[in-house]
Amino acid sequence: MKINFLYMIQLIILLYSISYSQHTTHTLQTQIQLNLDINYLLYLPEGYYESNEEYPLMLFLHGAGERGNDLSIVKRNGPPKLIEEGKKFPFIIVSPQCPDRTDWDNRSLIVLLDYIENHFRVDKTREYLTGLSMGGHATWSLAIQYPERFAAIIPVCARGYSQDVYVLKDVPVWAFHGEK
């Protein structure tokens, strides 16, 4: 009888210790201030300041080779290169620079887009997203996360997200890979 009583006490102690060692669920609700330094090139079309027109916007994301803190290297490829060569466009072009040794961050890009929308006359129904290589990969990622944000996307030489691409069913995609 003593043995059964001891086993019973041990079993009760074991059950209580198990119930106290299990995870409990908690929720933290707080606001976090995000401090960002985003370097970017901004192109405004000819006549921007003389009109009240809203303009389409293109967000261009460069590849891994242009990361850093020197905006002049962003001009090596894509729209920034064409602008540097004197090409004119009838829309706003924003070309941010990804910091060295990092990848594009979707939250930062959305913060930048929101800023541009609030400070320039952007036609929010005609926002386009494009990028090369690492920037093309970020094009897929950003569009998949915010499919309602973009009128169309143009990923160039980019790996994609085949398992999530279904969310882009209503977003026109013009994808390029290779030289031909």
Protein backbone atom coordinates (compact mmCIF):
# COMPACT_ATOMS: atom_id res chain seq x y z
CA MET A 1 0.00 0.00 0.00
CA LYS A 2 2.86 2.41 0.76
CA ILE A 3 4.36 1.75 -2.65
CA ASN A 4 1.08 2.54 -4.46
CA PHE A 5 0.71 5.73 -2.43
CA LEU A 6 4.28 6.85 -3.34
CA TYR A 7 3.65 6.10 -7.00
CA MET A 8 0.42 8.07 -6.82
CA ILE A 9 2.23 11.10 -5.28
CA GLN A 10 4.99 10.91 -7.92
CA LEU A 11 2.41 10.69 -10.70
CA ILE A 12 0.56 13.77 -9.39
CA ILE A 13 3.83 15.73 -9.10
CA LEU A 14 4.82 14.65 -12.62
CA LEU A 15 1.47 15.73 -14.07
CA TYR A 16 1.65 19.14 -12.39
CA SER A 17 5.22 19.70 -13.56
CA ILE A 18 4.27 18.80 -17.14
CA SER A 19 1.34 21.22 -17.13
CA TYR A 20 3.55 24.05 -15.83
CA SER A 21 6.35 23.40 -18.33
CA GLN A 22 4.16 23.65 -21.44
CA HIS A 23 4.31 26.75 -23.64
CA THR A 24 1.78 29.45 -23.10
CA THR A 25 0.71 31.83 -25.84
CA HIS A 26 1.24 35.58 -25.58
CA THR A 27 0.84 38.47 -27.99
CA LEU A 28 2.98 41.59 -27.95
CA GLN A 29 1.37 44.62 -29.55
CA THR A 30 3.71 47.53 -30.03
CA GLN A 31 4.80 50.11 -32.56
CA ILE A 32 8.33 50.06 -33.86
CA GLN A 33 9.98 53.07 -35.40
CA LEU A 34 11.92 52.11 -38.49
CA ASN A 35 14.94 54.29 -39.26
CA LEU A 36 15.91 53.90 -42.89
CA ASP A 37 18.51 55.48 -45.09
CA ILE A 38 17.54 54.69 -48.65
CA ASN A 39 19.70 56.20 -51.36
CA TYR A 40 17.93 56.51 -54.69
CA LEU A 41 18.02 58.21 -58.05
CA LEU A 42 14.87 60.05 -59.07
CA TYR A 43 14.01 60.92 -62.65
CA LEU A 44 11.14 63.31 -63.34
CA PRO A 45 9.88 63.66 -66.92
CA GLU A 46 10.29 66.84 -68.92
CA GLY A 47 7.58 69.34 -68.03
CA TYR A 48 6.87 67.79 -64.63
CA TYR A 49 7.06 71.11 -62.79
CA GLU A 50 5.04 72.97 -65.45
CA SER A 51 2.00 70.69 -65.22
CA ASN A 52 -0.43 69.33 -62.64
CA GLU A 53 -0.51 65.94 -64.34
CA GLU A 54 -0.08 62.68 -62.42
CA TYR A 55 2.61 60.51 -63.95
CA PRO A 56 3.14 56.75 -64.13
CA LEU A 57 5.98 55.48 -61.97
CA MET A 58 8.61 52.83 -62.63
CA LEU A 59 10.55 51.35 -59.73
CA PHE A 60 13.84 49.92 -61.02
CA LEU A 61 15.82 47.49 -58.84
CA HIS A 62 19.45 46.88 -59.83
CA GLY A 63 21.44 43.66 -59.53
CA ALA A 64 23.98 42.57 -56.91
CA GLY A 65 26.89 44.33 -58.62
CA GLU A 66 25.47 47.78 -57.95
CA ARG A 67 24.98 47.41 -54.19
CA GLY A 68 26.76 49.85 -51.91
CA ASN A 69 26.59 53.54 -51.08
CA ASP A 70 27.73 55.12 -54.34
CA LEU A 71 24.70 56.01 -56.46
CA SER A 72 26.82 56.51 -59.56
CA ILE A 73 27.22 52.73 -59.91
CA VAL A 74 23.43 52.33 -60.13
CA LYS A 75 23.78 54.06 -63.52
CA ARG A 76 25.62 51.06 -65.00
CA ASN A 77 22.48 49.28 -66.24
CA GLY A 78 18.83 49.65 -67.03
CA PRO A 79 16.86 52.90 -67.01
CA PRO A 80 19.47 54.85 -64.98
CA LYS A 81 22.05 54.09 -67.69
CA LEU A 82 19.67 55.19 -70.44
CA ILE A 83 18.87 58.41 -68.58
CA GLU A 84 22.59 59.08 -68.10
CA GLU A 85 22.97 58.67 -71.89
CA GLY A 86 20.29 61.33 -72.48
CA LYS A 87 17.19 59.18 -73.05
CA LYS A 88 13.91 60.87 -72.05
CA PHE A 89 10.95 59.05 -70.53
CA PRO A 90 7.34 60.22 -70.02
CA PHE A 91 7.14 58.79 -66.50
CA ILE A 92 8.79 59.00 -63.08
CA ILE A 93 11.63 56.54 -62.46
CA VAL A 94 12.85 55.66 -58.98
CA SER A 95 16.10 53.68 -58.76
CA PRO A 96 17.07 52.89 -55.16
CA GLN A 97 20.43 51.44 -54.18
CA CYS A 98 20.54 48.27 -52.12
CA PRO A 99 23.08 48.53 -49.28
CA ASP A 100 26.29 46.53 -49.54
CA ARG A 101 26.14 42.86 -48.47
CA THR A 102 22.35 42.83 -48.20
CA ASP A 103 19.41 41.87 -50.35
CA TRP A 104 16.42 43.97 -51.31
CA ASP A 105 14.04 44.44 -48.41
CA ASN A 106 10.36 44.57 -49.37
CA ARG A 107 9.34 46.71 -46.40
CA SER A 108 11.97 49.33 -47.23
CA LEU A 109 10.89 49.42 -50.87
CA ILE A 110 7.25 49.94 -49.91
CA VAL A 111 8.25 52.74 -47.51
CA LEU A 112 10.16 54.37 -50.39
CA LEU A 113 7.21 53.99 -52.77
CA ASP A 114 4.85 55.49 -50.19
CA TYR A 115 7.23 58.42 -49.73
CA ILE A 116 7.44 59.04 -53.49
CA GLU A 117 3.65 58.83 -53.82
CA ASN A 118 3.21 61.38 -51.03
CA HIS A 119 5.78 63.86 -52.36
CA PHE A 120 5.35 63.62 -56.14
CA ARG A 121 2.40 63.46 -58.51
CA VAL A 122 2.19 59.72 -59.11
CA ASP A 123 -0.68 58.00 -60.90
CA LYS A 124 -1.17 55.18 -58.39
CA THR A 125 -2.99 53.06 -60.97
CA ARG A 126 0.12 52.98 -63.16
CA GLU A 127 3.00 51.88 -60.95
CA TYR A 128 5.38 49.47 -62.66
CA LEU A 129 8.11 47.32 -61.17
CA THR A 130 11.22 46.03 -62.90
CA GLY A 131 14.64 44.75 -61.93
CA LEU A 132 17.72 42.93 -63.18
CA SER A 133 19.09 39.69 -61.72
CA MET A 134 18.96 40.20 -57.93
CA GLY A 135 16.60 43.10 -58.64
CA GLY A 136 14.54 40.84 -60.88
CA HIS A 137 14.26 38.34 -58.06
CA ALA A 138 13.13 41.18 -55.79
CA THR A 139 10.63 42.19 -58.49
CA TRP A 140 8.97 38.77 -58.17
CA SER A 141 9.14 38.89 -54.38
CA LEU A 142 7.72 42.40 -53.99
CA ALA A 143 4.95 41.81 -56.53
CA ILE A 144 3.96 38.53 -54.88
CA GLN A 145 3.80 40.23 -51.49
CA TYR A 146 1.93 43.30 -52.83
CA PRO A 147 0.15 42.16 -56.03
CA GLU A 148 -2.47 44.93 -55.82
CA ARG A 149 0.23 47.59 -55.84
CA PHE A 150 1.57 47.20 -59.37
CA ALA A 151 -0.02 47.66 -62.79
CA ALA A 152 2.59 45.30 -64.30
CA ILE A 153 6.00 43.80 -63.56
CA ILE A 154 9.05 43.17 -65.73
CA PRO A 155 11.57 40.82 -64.09
CA VAL A 156 14.79 40.45 -66.09
CA CYS A 157 17.22 37.52 -65.65
CA ALA A 158 15.58 36.60 -62.37
CA ARG A 159 14.87 33.47 -60.44
CA GLY A 160 11.26 33.35 -59.36
CA TYR A 161 8.86 31.89 -56.85
CA SER A 162 6.92 29.22 -58.73
CA GLN A 163 4.94 28.13 -55.67
CA ASP A 164 3.55 31.64 -55.01
CA VAL A 165 3.24 33.07 -58.51
CA TYR A 166 -0.51 32.33 -58.58
CA VAL A 167 -1.14 35.56 -56.62
CA LEU A 168 -0.03 37.46 -59.75
CA LYS A 169 -2.84 36.04 -61.89
CA ASP A 170 -4.25 39.54 -62.42
CA VAL A 171 -0.89 41.31 -62.83
CA PRO A 172 0.62 41.50 -66.33
CA VAL A 173 4.13 39.99 -66.33
CA TRP A 174 6.72 40.48 -69.06
CA ALA A 175 9.69 38.32 -68.07
CA PHE A 176 13.04 38.20 -69.86
CA HIS A 177 15.87 35.72 -69.53
CA GLY A 178 18.76 35.25 -71.92
CA GLU A 179 19.99 37.30 -74.85
CA LYS A 180 17.46 36.29 -77.53
